[in-house]
Amino acid sequence: MLPTQHKFTSPSDFSRTIKRGRRAGTRTVVVHLHEPDAPIAHQGGPRVGLIVSKAVGNAVIRHRTSRRLRHVCAALFDALPPTADLVIRALPGSGGASSRELDRDIRKALRRLGALDE
């Protein structure tokens, strides 16, 4: 589980990040990143929202994919800007991807967006 301060709390958080943010895609995920100019209400570091649709697979595969994505995101909190909002949309290929592949693809997308310096 992600700590509460790192989770989106409403559907408007998802829509704001997707509409106002920049995005980068890979084979397994699409990453939407929004870094507001003005200070915002959330404190405690970056926030993450996950979208894992039925296109990824059945319930078992979707839940496994969600757990893997949460684990990858938890490892990135120190590397992301503290005010960043991040939505990760899992593509159908993510259902068969390993944790290592998901980590690599998310980091690749974040580097394209300029959020990681690695």
C-alpha atoms as a PDB file:
ATOM      1  CA  MET A   1       0.000   0.000   0.000  1.00  0.00           C
ATOM      2  CA  LEU A   2       1.057   3.564  -0.632  1.00  0.00           C
ATOM      3  CA  PRO A   3       0.993   5.978   2.304  1.00  0.00           C
ATOM      4  CA  THR A   4      -2.093   8.197   2.334  1.00  0.00           C
ATOM      5  CA  GLN A   5      -0.157  11.390   1.606  1.00  0.00           C
ATOM      6  CA  HIS A   6       1.096   9.825  -1.647  1.00  0.00           C
ATOM      7  CA  LYS A   7      -2.331   8.806  -3.022  1.00  0.00           C
ATOM      8  CA  PHE A   8      -4.872  10.746  -5.009  1.00  0.00           C
ATOM      9  CA  THR A   9      -7.986  11.438  -2.970  1.00  0.00           C
ATOM     10  CA  SER A  10     -10.547  12.346  -5.629  1.00  0.00           C
ATOM     11  CA  PRO A  11     -11.365  11.819  -9.308  1.00  0.00           C
ATOM     12  CA  SER A  12     -10.619  15.495  -9.926  1.00  0.00           C
ATOM     13  CA  ASP A  13      -6.966  14.806  -9.057  1.00  0.00           C
ATOM     14  CA  PHE A  14      -6.827  12.288 -11.900  1.00  0.00           C
ATOM     15  CA  SER A  15      -8.535  14.556 -14.432  1.00  0.00           C
ATOM     16  CA  ARG A  16      -6.426  17.604 -13.517  1.00  0.00           C
ATOM     17  CA  THR A  17      -3.197  15.646 -13.887  1.00  0.00           C
ATOM     18  CA  ILE A  18      -4.225  14.075 -17.187  1.00  0.00           C
ATOM     19  CA  LYS A  19      -5.557  17.316 -18.709  1.00  0.00           C
ATOM     20  CA  ARG A  20      -2.900  19.771 -17.507  1.00  0.00           C
ATOM     21  CA  GLY A  21       0.128  17.508 -17.307  1.00  0.00           C
ATOM     22  CA  ARG A  22       2.588  16.205 -19.842  1.00  0.00           C
ATOM     23  CA  ARG A  23       2.681  12.566 -20.865  1.00  0.00           C
ATOM     24  CA  ALA A  24       5.130   9.991 -22.116  1.00  0.00           C
ATOM     25  CA  GLY A  25       4.413   6.431 -23.127  1.00  0.00           C
ATOM     26  CA  THR A  26       6.264   3.165 -23.291  1.00  0.00           C
ATOM     27  CA  ARG A  27       5.288  -0.381 -24.218  1.00  0.00           C
ATOM     28  CA  THR A  28       3.646  -1.063 -20.857  1.00  0.00           C
ATOM     29  CA  VAL A  29       2.541   2.284 -19.386  1.00  0.00           C
ATOM     30  CA  VAL A  30       1.592   5.868 -20.122  1.00  0.00           C
ATOM     31  CA  VAL A  31       2.839   8.327 -17.507  1.00  0.00           C
ATOM     32  CA  HIS A  32       1.102  11.668 -16.971  1.00  0.00           C
ATOM     33  CA  LEU A  33       3.080  14.203 -14.919  1.00  0.00           C
ATOM     34  CA  HIS A  34       1.746  17.488 -13.591  1.00  0.00           C
ATOM     35  CA  GLU A  35       3.930  19.879 -11.620  1.00  0.00           C
ATOM     36  CA  PRO A  36       1.838  22.891 -10.579  1.00  0.00           C
ATOM     37  CA  ASP A  37       3.511  26.321 -10.674  1.00  0.00           C
ATOM     38  CA  ALA A  38       1.828  27.587  -7.516  1.00  0.00           C
ATOM     39  CA  PRO A  39       2.138  25.837  -4.174  1.00  0.00           C
ATOM     40  CA  ILE A  40      -0.718  23.399  -3.786  1.00  0.00           C
ATOM     41  CA  ALA A  41      -2.684  22.003  -0.883  1.00  0.00           C
ATOM     42  CA  HIS A  42      -1.019  18.587  -0.646  1.00  0.00           C
ATOM     43  CA  GLN A  43       2.069  18.179   1.484  1.00  0.00           C
ATOM     44  CA  GLY A  44       4.330  15.243   2.108  1.00  0.00           C
ATOM     45  CA  GLY A  45       5.785  14.576  -1.322  1.00  0.00           C
ATOM     46  CA  PRO A  46       4.609  13.465  -4.744  1.00  0.00           C
ATOM     47  CA  ARG A  47       1.187  11.875  -5.235  1.00  0.00           C
ATOM     48  CA  VAL A  48       0.364   8.946  -7.500  1.00  0.00           C
ATOM     49  CA  GLY A  49      -2.783   7.603  -9.119  1.00  0.00           C
ATOM     50  CA  LEU A  50      -2.998   4.312 -10.999  1.00  0.00           C
ATOM     51  CA  ILE A  51      -5.336   3.357 -13.831  1.00  0.00           C
ATOM     52  CA  VAL A  52      -5.447  -0.366 -14.547  1.00  0.00           C
ATOM     53  CA  SER A  53      -8.363  -1.210 -16.851  1.00  0.00           C
ATOM     54  CA  LYS A  54      -9.872  -4.531 -17.884  1.00  0.00           C
ATOM     55  CA  ALA A  55      -7.779  -4.366 -21.048  1.00  0.00           C
ATOM     56  CA  VAL A  56      -4.799  -5.387 -18.898  1.00  0.00           C
ATOM     57  CA  GLY A  57      -6.373  -8.725 -18.016  1.00  0.00           C
ATOM     58  CA  ASN A  58      -8.677 -10.457 -15.582  1.00  0.00           C
ATOM     59  CA  ALA A  59      -8.986  -9.390 -11.930  1.00  0.00           C
ATOM     60  CA  VAL A  60      -6.022 -11.439 -10.762  1.00  0.00           C
ATOM     61  CA  ILE A  61      -3.725  -9.943 -13.396  1.00  0.00           C
ATOM     62  CA  ARG A  62      -5.020  -6.397 -12.784  1.00  0.00           C
ATOM     63  CA  HIS A  63      -4.439  -6.643  -9.038  1.00  0.00           C
ATOM     64  CA  ARG A  64      -0.981  -8.128  -9.516  1.00  0.00           C
ATOM     65  CA  THR A  65      -0.129  -5.343 -11.963  1.00  0.00           C
ATOM     66  CA  SER A  66      -1.433  -2.702  -9.528  1.00  0.00           C
ATOM     67  CA  ARG A  67       0.691  -4.118  -6.699  1.00  0.00           C
ATOM     68  CA  ARG A  68       3.773  -4.073  -8.912  1.00  0.00           C
ATOM     69  CA  LEU A  69       3.099  -0.497 -10.028  1.00  0.00           C
ATOM     70  CA  ARG A  70       2.604   0.655  -6.419  1.00  0.00           C
ATOM     71  CA  HIS A  71       5.890  -0.963  -5.440  1.00  0.00           C
ATOM     72  CA  VAL A  72       7.730   0.768  -8.291  1.00  0.00           C
ATOM     73  CA  CYS A  73       6.157   4.136  -7.417  1.00  0.00           C
ATOM     74  CA  ALA A  74       7.074   3.821  -3.739  1.00  0.00           C
ATOM     75  CA  ALA A  75      10.719   3.437  -4.746  1.00  0.00           C
ATOM     76  CA  LEU A  76      10.553   6.657  -6.811  1.00  0.00           C
ATOM     77  CA  PHE A  77       9.224   9.075  -4.174  1.00  0.00           C
ATOM     78  CA  ASP A  78      12.664  10.364  -3.187  1.00  0.00           C
ATOM     79  CA  ALA A  79      13.649  10.996  -6.822  1.00  0.00           C
ATOM     80  CA  LEU A  80      10.490  12.901  -7.852  1.00  0.00           C
ATOM     81  CA  PRO A  81       9.787  16.590  -7.224  1.00  0.00           C
ATOM     82  CA  PRO A  82       7.828  16.981  -3.951  1.00  0.00           C
ATOM     83  CA  THR A  83       4.862  18.735  -5.609  1.00  0.00           C
ATOM     84  CA  ALA A  84       4.558  16.317  -8.537  1.00  0.00           C
ATOM     85  CA  ASP A  85       1.272  14.626  -9.366  1.00  0.00           C
ATOM     86  CA  LEU A  86       1.669  11.432 -11.351  1.00  0.00           C
ATOM     87  CA  VAL A  87      -0.917   9.237 -13.087  1.00  0.00           C
ATOM     88  CA  ILE A  88       0.251   5.903 -14.421  1.00  0.00           C
ATOM     89  CA  ARG A  89      -2.058   4.211 -16.905  1.00  0.00           C
ATOM     90  CA  ALA A  90      -1.268   0.543 -17.452  1.00  0.00           C
ATOM     91  CA  LEU A  91      -1.428  -0.625 -21.058  1.00  0.00           C
ATOM     92  CA  PRO A  92      -2.394  -4.199 -22.037  1.00  0.00           C
ATOM     93  CA  GLY A  93       1.290  -5.185 -22.221  1.00  0.00           C
ATOM     94  CA  SER A  94       1.763  -4.442 -18.530  1.00  0.00           C
ATOM     95  CA  GLY A  95      -0.240  -7.516 -17.524  1.00  0.00           C
ATOM     96  CA  GLY A  96       2.543  -9.817 -18.671  1.00  0.00           C
ATOM     97  CA  ALA A  97       5.432  -7.551 -17.688  1.00  0.00           C
ATOM     98  CA  SER A  98       7.704  -8.234 -14.746  1.00  0.00           C
ATOM     99  CA  SER A  99       8.312  -5.723 -11.964  1.00  0.00           C
ATOM    100  CA  ARG A 100      11.726  -4.983 -13.445  1.00  0.00           C
ATOM    101  CA  GLU A 101      10.196  -4.195 -16.859  1.00  0.00           C
ATOM    102  CA  LEU A 102       7.561  -1.936 -15.287  1.00  0.00           C
ATOM    103  CA  ASP A 103      10.234  -0.132 -13.277  1.00  0.00           C
ATOM    104  CA  ARG A 104      12.390   0.350 -16.368  1.00  0.00           C
ATOM    105  CA  ASP A 105       9.464   1.664 -18.435  1.00  0.00           C
ATOM    106  CA  ILE A 106       8.235   4.082 -15.757  1.00  0.00           C
ATOM    107  CA  ARG A 107      11.743   5.465 -15.223  1.00  0.00           C
ATOM    108  CA  LYS A 108      12.202   5.793 -18.996  1.00  0.00           C
ATOM    109  CA  ALA A 109       8.960   7.783 -19.293  1.00  0.00           C
ATOM    110  CA  LEU A 110       9.871  10.002 -16.321  1.00  0.00           C
ATOM    111  CA  ARG A 111      13.289  10.736 -17.841  1.00  0.00           C
ATOM    112  CA  ARG A 112      11.561  11.769 -21.086  1.00  0.00           C
ATOM    113  CA  LEU A 113       9.399  14.147 -19.047  1.00  0.00           C
ATOM    114  CA  GLY A 114      12.454  15.566 -17.280  1.00  0.00           C
ATOM    115  CA  ALA A 115      11.358  14.417 -13.821  1.00  0.00           C
ATOM    116  CA  LEU A 116      14.328  12.075 -13.257  1.00  0.00           C
ATOM    117  CA  ASP A 117      17.997  12.871 -13.777  1.00  0.00           C
ATOM    118  CA  GLU A 118      19.273   9.289 -13.834  1.00  0.00           C
END
